[in-house]
Amino acid sequence: MTDFSVMCLPMVLYANSDYVPFIVVLSDVQMPGKLSGIDLAVWLKTNRPKQPVALMTGYADELERARRTGVPIFAKPFDAQELAPLIP
């Protein structure tokens, strides 16, 4: 079971719902606490497969690990226009 204690309240509520409220979830790979962006992406792909998700990171050593999730990865810094293909 994923430890959602480090997540904000809206994400906890979202985690317990079948509703897909976000156009896309964009998460940094490194986050404070126990949950990483990679953990979040894997959880979303498993539990909310209809929810689009992408990751971003400024650390080159994290890119390969993040690529294994199968979600789009953006190396920081990036231009916001690069996100356009993710938005329907």
N, C-alpha and C. Protein backbone atom coordinates (compact mmCIF):
# COMPACT_ATOMS: atom_id res chain seq x y z
N MET A 1 0.84 -1.18 0.00
CA MET A 1 0.00 0.00 0.00
C MET A 1 0.88 1.24 0.00
N THR A 2 0.57 2.19 -0.82
CA THR A 2 1.32 3.44 -0.89
C THR A 2 1.04 4.28 0.34
N ASP A 3 2.08 4.90 0.88
CA ASP A 3 1.93 5.78 2.03
C ASP A 3 1.55 7.17 1.54
N PHE A 4 0.27 7.51 1.68
CA PHE A 4 -0.21 8.81 1.22
C PHE A 4 -0.11 9.88 2.30
N SER A 5 0.51 9.56 3.44
CA SER A 5 0.58 10.54 4.52
C SER A 5 1.42 11.74 4.14
N VAL A 6 2.29 11.61 3.14
CA VAL A 6 3.13 12.73 2.73
C VAL A 6 2.48 13.55 1.63
N MET A 7 1.30 13.14 1.19
CA MET A 7 0.62 13.84 0.10
C MET A 7 -0.35 14.87 0.65
N CYS A 8 -0.68 15.84 -0.17
CA CYS A 8 -1.64 16.85 0.27
C CYS A 8 -3.05 16.28 0.26
N LEU A 9 -3.96 16.93 0.99
CA LEU A 9 -5.33 16.44 1.13
C LEU A 9 -6.04 16.25 -0.20
N PRO A 10 -5.96 17.20 -1.17
CA PRO A 10 -6.66 16.95 -2.44
C PRO A 10 -6.18 15.68 -3.13
N MET A 11 -4.89 15.36 -3.02
CA MET A 11 -4.40 14.15 -3.66
C MET A 11 -4.90 12.91 -2.92
N VAL A 12 -5.01 12.97 -1.61
CA VAL A 12 -5.55 11.84 -0.85
C VAL A 12 -6.99 11.59 -1.26
N LEU A 13 -7.79 12.64 -1.38
CA LEU A 13 -9.18 12.48 -1.81
C LEU A 13 -9.24 11.92 -3.22
N TYR A 14 -8.38 12.41 -4.09
CA TYR A 14 -8.31 11.92 -5.46
C TYR A 14 -7.94 10.44 -5.50
N ALA A 15 -7.03 10.05 -4.62
CA ALA A 15 -6.58 8.66 -4.59
C ALA A 15 -7.70 7.70 -4.23
N ASN A 16 -8.72 8.20 -3.56
CA ASN A 16 -9.83 7.36 -3.15
C ASN A 16 -11.06 7.52 -4.05
N SER A 17 -10.86 7.99 -5.26
CA SER A 17 -11.97 8.26 -6.15
C SER A 17 -11.69 7.69 -7.54
N ASP A 18 -12.75 7.39 -8.26
CA ASP A 18 -12.60 6.96 -9.65
C ASP A 18 -12.62 8.14 -10.61
N TYR A 19 -12.87 9.32 -10.08
CA TYR A 19 -12.96 10.53 -10.88
C TYR A 19 -11.57 10.98 -11.34
N VAL A 20 -11.45 11.40 -12.57
CA VAL A 20 -10.19 11.90 -13.12
C VAL A 20 -10.32 13.41 -13.28
N PRO A 21 -9.95 14.17 -12.23
CA PRO A 21 -10.21 15.60 -12.25
C PRO A 21 -9.16 16.48 -12.91
N PHE A 22 -8.00 15.92 -13.27
CA PHE A 22 -6.91 16.74 -13.77
C PHE A 22 -6.70 16.51 -15.26
N ILE A 23 -6.39 17.58 -15.99
CA ILE A 23 -6.05 17.44 -17.41
C ILE A 23 -4.78 16.60 -17.52
N VAL A 24 -3.80 16.92 -16.70
CA VAL A 24 -2.57 16.14 -16.62
C VAL A 24 -1.95 16.37 -15.24
N VAL A 25 -1.36 15.32 -14.68
CA VAL A 25 -0.61 15.45 -13.44
C VAL A 25 0.86 15.57 -13.84
N LEU A 26 1.49 16.69 -13.48
CA LEU A 26 2.90 16.93 -13.75
C LEU A 26 3.61 16.95 -12.40
N SER A 27 4.50 16.00 -12.19
CA SER A 27 5.18 15.88 -10.90
C SER A 27 6.69 15.91 -11.09
N ASP A 28 7.36 16.56 -10.16
CA ASP A 28 8.81 16.47 -10.12
C ASP A 28 9.17 15.06 -9.65
N VAL A 29 10.29 14.54 -10.11
CA VAL A 29 10.74 13.22 -9.68
C VAL A 29 11.06 13.25 -8.19
N GLN A 30 11.76 14.29 -7.76
CA GLN A 30 12.12 14.39 -6.35
C GLN A 30 11.11 15.26 -5.62
N MET A 31 10.53 14.68 -4.57
CA MET A 31 9.56 15.41 -3.75
C MET A 31 9.94 15.20 -2.29
N PRO A 32 9.53 16.11 -1.42
CA PRO A 32 9.81 15.91 0.00
C PRO A 32 9.02 14.72 0.54
N GLY A 33 9.55 14.08 1.54
CA GLY A 33 8.86 12.95 2.13
C GLY A 33 9.28 11.63 1.50
N LYS A 34 8.46 10.63 1.72
CA LYS A 34 8.78 9.27 1.28
C LYS A 34 8.38 8.98 -0.16
N LEU A 35 7.39 9.67 -0.66
CA LEU A 35 6.85 9.40 -2.00
C LEU A 35 7.61 10.21 -3.04
N SER A 36 8.10 9.54 -4.08
CA SER A 36 8.76 10.25 -5.18
C SER A 36 7.77 10.44 -6.32
N GLY A 37 8.12 11.29 -7.25
CA GLY A 37 7.28 11.46 -8.44
C GLY A 37 7.17 10.16 -9.22
N ILE A 38 8.22 9.37 -9.21
CA ILE A 38 8.20 8.07 -9.89
C ILE A 38 7.18 7.16 -9.21
N ASP A 39 7.17 7.15 -7.88
CA ASP A 39 6.17 6.36 -7.14
C ASP A 39 4.76 6.81 -7.50
N LEU A 40 4.57 8.12 -7.56
CA LEU A 40 3.26 8.67 -7.90
C LEU A 40 2.85 8.27 -9.31
N ALA A 41 3.77 8.37 -10.28
CA ALA A 41 3.46 8.00 -11.66
C ALA A 41 3.09 6.53 -11.78
N VAL A 42 3.84 5.68 -11.11
CA VAL A 42 3.54 4.24 -11.14
C VAL A 42 2.18 3.98 -10.50
N TRP A 43 1.89 4.63 -9.37
CA TRP A 43 0.60 4.45 -8.71
C TRP A 43 -0.54 4.89 -9.62
N LEU A 44 -0.38 6.05 -10.25
CA LEU A 44 -1.43 6.56 -11.14
C LEU A 44 -1.64 5.62 -12.32
N LYS A 45 -0.56 5.15 -12.93
CA LYS A 45 -0.70 4.23 -14.07
C LYS A 45 -1.41 2.95 -13.68
N THR A 46 -1.19 2.50 -12.46
CA THR A 46 -1.81 1.26 -11.97
C THR A 46 -3.25 1.48 -11.53
N ASN A 47 -3.49 2.55 -10.79
CA ASN A 47 -4.79 2.76 -10.16
C ASN A 47 -5.70 3.74 -10.87
N ARG A 48 -5.16 4.60 -11.67
CA ARG A 48 -5.94 5.59 -12.44
C ARG A 48 -5.38 5.65 -13.86
N PRO A 49 -5.47 4.54 -14.60
CA PRO A 49 -4.83 4.47 -15.92
C PRO A 49 -5.33 5.51 -16.92
N LYS A 50 -6.50 6.09 -16.70
CA LYS A 50 -7.00 7.11 -17.62
C LYS A 50 -6.42 8.49 -17.32
N GLN A 51 -5.78 8.64 -16.18
CA GLN A 51 -5.22 9.93 -15.77
C GLN A 51 -3.88 10.16 -16.45
N PRO A 52 -3.78 11.16 -17.34
CA PRO A 52 -2.48 11.48 -17.93
C PRO A 52 -1.50 11.97 -16.85
N VAL A 53 -0.26 11.51 -16.95
CA VAL A 53 0.76 11.89 -15.99
C VAL A 53 2.08 12.08 -16.71
N ALA A 54 2.87 13.04 -16.24
CA ALA A 54 4.21 13.29 -16.78
C ALA A 54 5.12 13.64 -15.62
N LEU A 55 6.41 13.43 -15.82
CA LEU A 55 7.40 13.73 -14.80
C LEU A 55 8.38 14.78 -15.30
N MET A 56 8.97 15.50 -14.35
CA MET A 56 10.03 16.44 -14.70
C MET A 56 11.15 16.27 -13.68
N THR A 57 12.38 16.53 -14.12
CA THR A 57 13.52 16.43 -13.22
C THR A 57 14.66 17.30 -13.73
N GLY A 58 15.44 17.77 -12.80
CA GLY A 58 16.65 18.53 -13.12
C GLY A 58 17.89 17.70 -12.91
N TYR A 59 17.71 16.44 -12.55
CA TYR A 59 18.83 15.56 -12.25
C TYR A 59 18.99 14.52 -13.35
N ALA A 60 20.12 14.55 -14.04
CA ALA A 60 20.37 13.61 -15.14
C ALA A 60 20.35 12.17 -14.66
N ASP A 61 20.82 11.91 -13.43
CA ASP A 61 20.86 10.55 -12.93
C ASP A 61 19.47 9.97 -12.66
N GLU A 62 18.47 10.82 -12.58
CA GLU A 62 17.09 10.37 -12.37
C GLU A 62 16.37 10.06 -13.68
N LEU A 63 16.90 10.56 -14.80
CA LEU A 63 16.19 10.41 -16.09
C LEU A 63 15.96 8.95 -16.47
N GLU A 64 16.98 8.11 -16.35
CA GLU A 64 16.82 6.71 -16.77
C GLU A 64 15.79 6.00 -15.90
N ARG A 65 15.86 6.21 -14.60
CA ARG A 65 14.88 5.59 -13.69
C ARG A 65 13.47 6.07 -14.02
N ALA A 66 13.34 7.35 -14.30
CA ALA A 66 12.03 7.92 -14.63
C ALA A 66 11.51 7.38 -15.96
N ARG A 67 12.40 7.17 -16.91
CA ARG A 67 11.98 6.66 -18.23
C ARG A 67 11.33 5.29 -18.13
N ARG A 68 11.73 4.51 -17.15
CA ARG A 68 11.18 3.16 -16.98
C ARG A 68 9.70 3.17 -16.63
N THR A 69 9.16 4.33 -16.23
CA THR A 69 7.73 4.41 -15.90
C THR A 69 6.87 4.39 -17.15
N GLY A 70 7.45 4.77 -18.29
CA GLY A 70 6.68 4.81 -19.53
C GLY A 70 5.85 6.08 -19.69
N VAL A 71 6.06 7.07 -18.82
CA VAL A 71 5.34 8.33 -18.94
C VAL A 71 6.28 9.38 -19.53
N PRO A 72 5.73 10.44 -20.11
CA PRO A 72 6.60 11.50 -20.65
C PRO A 72 7.48 12.09 -19.54
N ILE A 73 8.73 12.38 -19.88
CA ILE A 73 9.68 12.97 -18.94
C ILE A 73 10.19 14.28 -19.54
N PHE A 74 10.25 15.29 -18.71
CA PHE A 74 10.76 16.59 -19.14
C PHE A 74 11.98 16.92 -18.29
N ALA A 75 13.10 17.22 -18.98
CA ALA A 75 14.32 17.61 -18.28
C ALA A 75 14.27 19.11 -18.03
N LYS A 76 14.41 19.50 -16.77
CA LYS A 76 14.37 20.92 -16.41
C LYS A 76 15.71 21.56 -16.75
N PRO A 77 15.71 22.78 -17.19
CA PRO A 77 14.52 23.58 -17.47
C PRO A 77 13.92 23.20 -18.82
N PHE A 78 12.63 23.36 -18.95
CA PHE A 78 11.95 23.11 -20.22
C PHE A 78 10.96 24.23 -20.45
N ASP A 79 10.55 24.38 -21.69
CA ASP A 79 9.59 25.41 -22.06
C ASP A 79 8.18 24.85 -21.85
N ALA A 80 7.32 25.66 -21.26
CA ALA A 80 5.95 25.22 -20.98
C ALA A 80 5.25 24.73 -22.24
N GLN A 81 5.60 25.24 -23.39
CA GLN A 81 4.97 24.81 -24.65
C GLN A 81 5.23 23.33 -24.94
N GLU A 82 6.26 22.77 -24.33
CA GLU A 82 6.54 21.34 -24.52
C GLU A 82 5.44 20.47 -23.91
N LEU A 83 4.65 21.03 -23.02
CA LEU A 83 3.56 20.28 -22.39
C LEU A 83 2.33 20.20 -23.28
N ALA A 84 2.26 21.03 -24.32
CA ALA A 84 1.07 21.12 -25.17
C ALA A 84 0.59 19.76 -25.69
N PRO A 85 1.46 18.85 -26.12
CA PRO A 85 0.96 17.55 -26.61
C PRO A 85 0.23 16.73 -25.55
N LEU A 86 0.41 17.04 -24.28
CA LEU A 86 -0.25 16.29 -23.22
C LEU A 86 -1.66 16.80 -22.93
N ILE A 87 -1.98 17.96 -23.47
CA ILE A 87 -3.26 18.59 -23.17
C ILE A 87 -4.21 18.39 -24.35
N PRO A 88 -5.34 17.72 -24.10
CA PRO A 88 -6.28 17.45 -25.20
C PRO A 88 -6.94 18.72 -25.72
